[in-house]
């Protein structure tokens, strides 16, 4: 897998603009929210973001994949003012040197009103 941002495009902040994935099995992780296994939701974007990323990591592990295998992330955020916090938490899970291609969408709400973030991932197994 190769991820990069070509010099011909505007410089991105915290994501790569292009991902080339070699032939292999792909792992598609459905949107994971900041909810614990028992359904409880912590208060605040930092706690929910960390839990959402941890949940994505658990889903990846269940498919014998890891964060290094992720080539595309999509993040849905209820309040864009939490972006800096989400980026800081994301850097705990995603390599800053070659981050995956990413999309962030501000949404008016998620499936439950207390949820602030949802994250999808696509990975490739070599």
N, C-alpha and C. Protein backbone atom coordinates (compact mmCIF):
# COMPACT_ATOMS: atom_id res chain seq x y z
N UNK A 1 0.85 -1.17 0.00
CA UNK A 1 0.00 0.00 0.00
C UNK A 1 0.90 1.23 0.00
N UNK A 2 0.50 2.22 -0.77
CA UNK A 2 1.23 3.48 -0.82
C UNK A 2 0.24 4.61 -0.63
N UNK A 3 0.53 5.49 0.31
CA UNK A 3 -0.29 6.68 0.52
C UNK A 3 0.60 7.91 0.42
N UNK A 4 0.11 8.98 -0.22
CA UNK A 4 0.89 10.19 -0.34
C UNK A 4 0.00 11.34 -0.77
N UNK A 5 0.58 12.53 -0.74
CA UNK A 5 -0.09 13.73 -1.22
C UNK A 5 0.78 14.33 -2.31
N UNK A 6 0.35 14.27 -3.56
CA UNK A 6 1.15 14.80 -4.66
C UNK A 6 1.40 16.30 -4.50
N UNK A 7 2.56 16.74 -4.95
CA UNK A 7 2.89 18.17 -4.89
C UNK A 7 1.96 19.01 -5.76
N UNK A 8 1.25 18.39 -6.68
CA UNK A 8 0.35 19.12 -7.57
C UNK A 8 -0.99 19.48 -6.91
N UNK A 9 -1.22 19.01 -5.69
CA UNK A 9 -2.46 19.30 -4.96
C UNK A 9 -2.16 20.17 -3.75
N UNK A 10 -3.18 20.88 -3.23
CA UNK A 10 -2.97 21.66 -2.01
C UNK A 10 -2.50 20.75 -0.87
N UNK A 11 -1.63 21.27 -0.03
CA UNK A 11 -1.08 20.50 1.08
C UNK A 11 -2.18 20.19 2.09
N UNK A 12 -2.45 18.92 2.38
CA UNK A 12 -3.49 18.55 3.34
C UNK A 12 -2.99 18.67 4.78
N UNK A 13 -3.92 18.71 5.69
CA UNK A 13 -3.58 18.75 7.11
C UNK A 13 -4.00 17.43 7.75
N UNK A 14 -3.05 16.52 7.96
CA UNK A 14 -3.32 15.31 8.71
C UNK A 14 -3.90 14.15 7.93
N UNK A 15 -3.84 14.18 6.61
CA UNK A 15 -4.30 13.04 5.82
C UNK A 15 -3.56 13.01 4.49
N UNK A 16 -3.54 11.87 3.85
CA UNK A 16 -2.97 11.72 2.53
C UNK A 16 -4.09 11.82 1.50
N UNK A 17 -3.79 12.35 0.32
CA UNK A 17 -4.83 12.56 -0.67
C UNK A 17 -5.00 11.38 -1.64
N UNK A 18 -4.01 10.52 -1.71
CA UNK A 18 -4.07 9.40 -2.65
C UNK A 18 -3.64 8.12 -1.93
N UNK A 19 -4.36 7.04 -2.18
CA UNK A 19 -3.98 5.73 -1.67
C UNK A 19 -4.06 4.73 -2.81
N UNK A 20 -2.98 4.00 -3.03
CA UNK A 20 -2.97 2.94 -4.03
C UNK A 20 -2.87 1.62 -3.28
N UNK A 21 -3.82 0.76 -3.52
CA UNK A 21 -3.90 -0.50 -2.79
C UNK A 21 -3.60 -1.65 -3.75
N UNK A 22 -2.61 -2.47 -3.44
CA UNK A 22 -2.31 -3.61 -4.30
C UNK A 22 -3.42 -4.66 -4.17
N UNK A 23 -3.39 -5.59 -5.09
CA UNK A 23 -4.38 -6.67 -5.02
C UNK A 23 -4.28 -7.37 -3.67
N UNK A 24 -5.39 -7.70 -3.10
CA UNK A 24 -5.43 -8.36 -1.80
C UNK A 24 -6.81 -8.25 -1.22
N UNK A 25 -6.99 -8.83 -0.08
CA UNK A 25 -8.29 -8.79 0.59
C UNK A 25 -8.49 -7.44 1.26
N UNK A 26 -9.67 -6.90 1.12
CA UNK A 26 -9.99 -5.64 1.77
C UNK A 26 -10.87 -5.89 2.99
N UNK A 27 -10.72 -5.02 3.96
CA UNK A 27 -11.52 -5.06 5.18
C UNK A 27 -12.27 -3.74 5.26
N UNK A 28 -13.58 -3.80 5.28
CA UNK A 28 -14.42 -2.61 5.38
C UNK A 28 -15.05 -2.59 6.77
N UNK A 29 -14.73 -1.58 7.54
CA UNK A 29 -15.25 -1.46 8.90
C UNK A 29 -16.40 -0.47 8.90
N UNK A 30 -17.56 -0.94 9.30
CA UNK A 30 -18.73 -0.06 9.41
C UNK A 30 -18.46 1.03 10.42
N UNK A 31 -19.25 2.10 10.33
CA UNK A 31 -19.07 3.22 11.24
C UNK A 31 -19.09 2.80 12.70
N UNK A 32 -18.05 3.20 13.40
CA UNK A 32 -17.92 2.92 14.83
C UNK A 32 -18.08 4.22 15.59
N UNK A 33 -18.87 4.18 16.63
CA UNK A 33 -19.14 5.37 17.43
C UNK A 33 -18.42 5.28 18.78
N UNK A 34 -18.49 6.37 19.52
CA UNK A 34 -17.88 6.42 20.85
C UNK A 34 -18.78 5.82 21.89
N UNK A 35 -19.07 4.54 21.72
CA UNK A 35 -19.95 3.82 22.64
C UNK A 35 -19.22 2.59 23.15
N UNK A 36 -19.33 2.34 24.45
CA UNK A 36 -18.72 1.16 25.04
C UNK A 36 -19.53 -0.08 24.67
N UNK A 37 -18.97 -1.24 24.91
CA UNK A 37 -19.64 -2.50 24.57
C UNK A 37 -21.00 -2.63 25.24
N UNK A 38 -21.13 -2.06 26.44
CA UNK A 38 -22.41 -2.14 27.15
C UNK A 38 -23.40 -1.05 26.72
N UNK A 39 -23.00 -0.25 25.72
CA UNK A 39 -23.88 0.78 25.20
C UNK A 39 -23.73 2.15 25.84
N UNK A 40 -22.94 2.24 26.88
CA UNK A 40 -22.75 3.54 27.52
C UNK A 40 -21.90 4.45 26.63
N UNK A 41 -22.16 5.74 26.74
CA UNK A 41 -21.47 6.74 25.93
C UNK A 41 -20.83 7.75 26.86
N UNK A 42 -19.51 7.91 26.79
CA UNK A 42 -18.87 8.90 27.64
C UNK A 42 -19.23 10.31 27.19
N UNK A 43 -19.06 11.26 28.08
CA UNK A 43 -19.36 12.65 27.78
C UNK A 43 -18.14 13.30 27.15
N UNK A 44 -18.34 14.06 26.08
CA UNK A 44 -17.26 14.86 25.49
C UNK A 44 -16.65 14.23 24.25
N UNK A 45 -16.19 15.10 23.37
CA UNK A 45 -15.64 14.65 22.09
C UNK A 45 -14.35 13.87 22.26
N UNK A 46 -13.48 14.25 23.18
CA UNK A 46 -12.21 13.53 23.33
C UNK A 46 -12.45 12.08 23.73
N UNK A 47 -13.26 11.86 24.75
CA UNK A 47 -13.54 10.50 25.21
C UNK A 47 -14.26 9.69 24.14
N UNK A 48 -15.21 10.30 23.45
CA UNK A 48 -15.93 9.57 22.41
C UNK A 48 -15.04 9.27 21.21
N UNK A 49 -14.18 10.22 20.84
CA UNK A 49 -13.28 9.99 19.72
C UNK A 49 -12.33 8.84 20.04
N UNK A 50 -11.76 8.86 21.23
CA UNK A 50 -10.82 7.79 21.61
C UNK A 50 -11.53 6.43 21.57
N UNK A 51 -12.72 6.36 22.10
CA UNK A 51 -13.47 5.11 22.12
C UNK A 51 -13.86 4.67 20.70
N UNK A 52 -14.23 5.62 19.84
CA UNK A 52 -14.56 5.28 18.45
C UNK A 52 -13.33 4.72 17.74
N UNK A 53 -12.17 5.35 17.92
CA UNK A 53 -10.94 4.83 17.30
C UNK A 53 -10.58 3.46 17.88
N UNK A 54 -10.75 3.29 19.18
CA UNK A 54 -10.50 1.98 19.79
C UNK A 54 -11.44 0.92 19.20
N UNK A 55 -12.70 1.29 18.99
CA UNK A 55 -13.66 0.35 18.40
C UNK A 55 -13.28 -0.02 16.97
N UNK A 56 -12.82 0.96 16.19
CA UNK A 56 -12.32 0.65 14.85
C UNK A 56 -11.15 -0.31 14.95
N UNK A 57 -10.25 -0.07 15.88
CA UNK A 57 -9.10 -0.96 16.07
C UNK A 57 -9.53 -2.37 16.43
N UNK A 58 -10.54 -2.50 17.26
CA UNK A 58 -11.05 -3.84 17.61
C UNK A 58 -11.65 -4.55 16.39
N UNK A 59 -12.39 -3.79 15.57
CA UNK A 59 -12.97 -4.37 14.36
C UNK A 59 -11.87 -4.81 13.40
N UNK A 60 -10.84 -3.99 13.25
CA UNK A 60 -9.71 -4.35 12.39
C UNK A 60 -9.04 -5.62 12.91
N UNK A 61 -8.80 -5.69 14.20
CA UNK A 61 -8.14 -6.85 14.79
C UNK A 61 -8.95 -8.12 14.57
N UNK A 62 -10.27 -8.00 14.60
CA UNK A 62 -11.13 -9.16 14.39
C UNK A 62 -10.96 -9.73 12.98
N UNK A 63 -10.48 -8.88 12.06
CA UNK A 63 -10.24 -9.32 10.67
C UNK A 63 -8.76 -9.53 10.41
N UNK A 64 -7.97 -9.66 11.49
CA UNK A 64 -6.51 -9.83 11.37
C UNK A 64 -5.85 -8.67 10.65
N UNK A 65 -6.36 -7.47 10.86
CA UNK A 65 -5.78 -6.25 10.29
C UNK A 65 -5.42 -5.31 11.44
N UNK A 66 -4.71 -4.26 11.10
CA UNK A 66 -4.33 -3.26 12.10
C UNK A 66 -4.34 -1.88 11.48
N UNK A 67 -4.01 -0.88 12.27
CA UNK A 67 -4.03 0.49 11.80
C UNK A 67 -3.09 0.71 10.63
N UNK A 68 -1.98 0.00 10.57
CA UNK A 68 -1.04 0.16 9.46
C UNK A 68 -1.64 -0.31 8.14
N UNK A 69 -2.69 -1.11 8.19
CA UNK A 69 -3.35 -1.62 6.98
C UNK A 69 -4.45 -0.69 6.46
N UNK A 70 -4.81 0.33 7.22
CA UNK A 70 -5.91 1.23 6.85
C UNK A 70 -5.43 2.19 5.77
N UNK A 71 -6.20 2.25 4.66
CA UNK A 71 -5.86 3.20 3.60
C UNK A 71 -6.93 4.28 3.41
N UNK A 72 -8.10 4.14 4.07
CA UNK A 72 -9.15 5.16 3.95
C UNK A 72 -9.95 5.25 5.23
N UNK A 73 -10.10 6.47 5.73
CA UNK A 73 -10.94 6.75 6.89
C UNK A 73 -12.01 7.76 6.50
N UNK A 74 -13.19 7.58 7.03
CA UNK A 74 -14.24 8.58 6.91
C UNK A 74 -14.74 8.88 8.31
N UNK A 75 -14.75 10.16 8.65
CA UNK A 75 -15.15 10.58 9.98
C UNK A 75 -16.37 11.49 9.86
N UNK A 76 -17.37 11.19 10.65
CA UNK A 76 -18.57 12.01 10.73
C UNK A 76 -18.55 12.69 12.09
N UNK A 77 -18.62 14.00 12.09
CA UNK A 77 -18.49 14.79 13.31
C UNK A 77 -19.69 15.72 13.44
N UNK A 78 -20.34 15.69 14.61
CA UNK A 78 -21.53 16.50 14.83
C UNK A 78 -21.18 17.98 14.97
N UNK A 79 -20.03 18.29 15.54
CA UNK A 79 -19.64 19.69 15.74
C UNK A 79 -18.20 19.86 15.29
N UNK A 80 -18.00 20.56 14.20
CA UNK A 80 -16.68 20.73 13.61
C UNK A 80 -15.69 21.43 14.55
N UNK A 81 -16.19 22.12 15.56
CA UNK A 81 -15.29 22.78 16.51
C UNK A 81 -14.45 21.76 17.28
N UNK A 82 -14.83 20.49 17.27
CA UNK A 82 -14.05 19.44 17.92
C UNK A 82 -12.96 18.84 17.05
N UNK A 83 -12.76 19.39 15.86
CA UNK A 83 -11.81 18.81 14.91
C UNK A 83 -10.39 18.71 15.46
N UNK A 84 -9.89 19.73 16.12
CA UNK A 84 -8.52 19.69 16.65
C UNK A 84 -8.36 18.55 17.66
N UNK A 85 -9.35 18.35 18.47
CA UNK A 85 -9.32 17.27 19.46
C UNK A 85 -9.34 15.92 18.74
N UNK A 86 -10.19 15.78 17.75
CA UNK A 86 -10.27 14.52 16.99
C UNK A 86 -8.94 14.23 16.31
N UNK A 87 -8.33 15.24 15.72
CA UNK A 87 -7.02 15.04 15.07
C UNK A 87 -5.97 14.59 16.08
N UNK A 88 -5.97 15.18 17.25
CA UNK A 88 -4.99 14.80 18.28
C UNK A 88 -5.20 13.35 18.70
N UNK A 89 -6.44 12.95 18.89
CA UNK A 89 -6.72 11.56 19.27
C UNK A 89 -6.36 10.62 18.13
N UNK A 90 -6.72 11.00 16.90
CA UNK A 90 -6.42 10.17 15.74
C UNK A 90 -4.92 9.89 15.63
N UNK A 91 -4.09 10.86 15.97
CA UNK A 91 -2.64 10.67 15.85
C UNK A 91 -2.12 9.61 16.83
N UNK A 92 -2.92 9.24 17.82
CA UNK A 92 -2.54 8.14 18.73
C UNK A 92 -2.70 6.79 18.04
N UNK A 93 -3.48 6.74 16.96
CA UNK A 93 -3.79 5.48 16.29
C UNK A 93 -3.21 5.39 14.88
N UNK A 94 -3.15 6.51 14.17
CA UNK A 94 -2.74 6.55 12.77
C UNK A 94 -1.36 7.17 12.66
N UNK A 95 -0.51 6.57 11.83
CA UNK A 95 0.84 7.08 11.62
C UNK A 95 0.79 8.46 10.97
N UNK A 96 1.36 9.46 11.61
CA UNK A 96 1.35 10.82 11.07
C UNK A 96 2.20 10.94 9.80
N UNK A 97 3.23 10.11 9.65
CA UNK A 97 4.11 10.19 8.50
C UNK A 97 3.46 9.78 7.20
N UNK A 98 2.52 8.84 7.26
CA UNK A 98 1.82 8.36 6.07
C UNK A 98 0.37 8.05 6.44
N UNK A 99 -0.38 9.08 6.79
CA UNK A 99 -1.77 8.85 7.20
C UNK A 99 -2.60 8.40 6.01
N UNK A 100 -3.69 7.69 6.29
CA UNK A 100 -4.56 7.22 5.19
C UNK A 100 -5.29 8.38 4.52
N UNK A 101 -5.77 8.12 3.31
CA UNK A 101 -6.68 9.06 2.67
C UNK A 101 -7.88 9.21 3.61
N UNK A 102 -8.39 10.42 3.74
CA UNK A 102 -9.44 10.65 4.74
C UNK A 102 -10.46 11.66 4.25
N UNK A 103 -11.68 11.48 4.77
CA UNK A 103 -12.76 12.42 4.54
C UNK A 103 -13.40 12.72 5.88
N UNK A 104 -13.69 14.00 6.10
CA UNK A 104 -14.41 14.40 7.31
C UNK A 104 -15.68 15.10 6.88
N UNK A 105 -16.79 14.70 7.47
CA UNK A 105 -18.09 15.29 7.14
C UNK A 105 -18.74 15.77 8.44
N UNK A 106 -19.14 17.03 8.45
CA UNK A 106 -19.92 17.53 9.58
C UNK A 106 -21.38 17.15 9.32
N UNK A 107 -22.00 16.53 10.32
CA UNK A 107 -23.38 16.07 10.19
C UNK A 107 -24.24 16.71 11.28
N UNK A 108 -25.54 16.75 11.05
CA UNK A 108 -26.44 17.37 12.03
C UNK A 108 -26.72 16.46 13.20
N UNK A 109 -26.46 15.16 13.04
CA UNK A 109 -26.68 14.23 14.14
C UNK A 109 -26.34 12.82 13.72
N UNK A 110 -26.23 11.95 14.70
CA UNK A 110 -25.97 10.53 14.46
C UNK A 110 -27.15 9.73 15.00
N UNK A 111 -27.03 8.43 15.03
CA UNK A 111 -28.16 7.56 15.34
C UNK A 111 -28.74 7.80 16.75
N UNK A 112 -27.90 8.24 17.67
CA UNK A 112 -28.35 8.58 19.03
C UNK A 112 -27.92 10.00 19.32
N UNK A 113 -28.75 10.80 19.96
CA UNK A 113 -28.45 12.22 20.13
C UNK A 113 -27.19 12.52 20.95
N UNK A 114 -26.78 11.62 21.82
CA UNK A 114 -25.59 11.87 22.64
C UNK A 114 -24.28 11.56 21.91
N UNK A 115 -24.37 10.92 20.75
CA UNK A 115 -23.16 10.57 19.99
C UNK A 115 -22.64 11.78 19.22
N UNK A 116 -21.32 11.96 19.25
CA UNK A 116 -20.68 13.12 18.64
C UNK A 116 -19.82 12.77 17.43
N UNK A 117 -19.44 11.48 17.27
CA UNK A 117 -18.50 11.09 16.23
C UNK A 117 -18.78 9.66 15.78
N UNK A 118 -18.52 9.41 14.50
CA UNK A 118 -18.59 8.07 13.93
C UNK A 118 -17.45 7.94 12.92
N UNK A 119 -16.79 6.78 12.91
CA UNK A 119 -15.61 6.58 12.06
C UNK A 119 -15.74 5.28 11.29
N UNK A 120 -15.54 5.35 9.97
CA UNK A 120 -15.47 4.18 9.10
C UNK A 120 -14.02 3.99 8.65
N UNK A 121 -13.65 2.76 8.35
CA UNK A 121 -12.29 2.50 7.87
C UNK A 121 -12.32 1.44 6.78
N UNK A 122 -11.35 1.55 5.86
CA UNK A 122 -11.12 0.52 4.86
C UNK A 122 -9.64 0.17 4.93
N UNK A 123 -9.37 -1.12 5.01
CA UNK A 123 -7.99 -1.61 5.12
C UNK A 123 -7.76 -2.68 4.07
N UNK A 124 -6.49 -2.97 3.82
CA UNK A 124 -6.13 -4.04 2.90
C UNK A 124 -5.19 -5.00 3.60
N UNK A 125 -5.43 -6.29 3.38
CA UNK A 125 -4.55 -7.31 3.93
C UNK A 125 -3.58 -7.72 2.83
N UNK A 126 -2.32 -7.68 3.13
CA UNK A 126 -1.29 -8.03 2.12
C UNK A 126 -1.27 -9.52 1.85
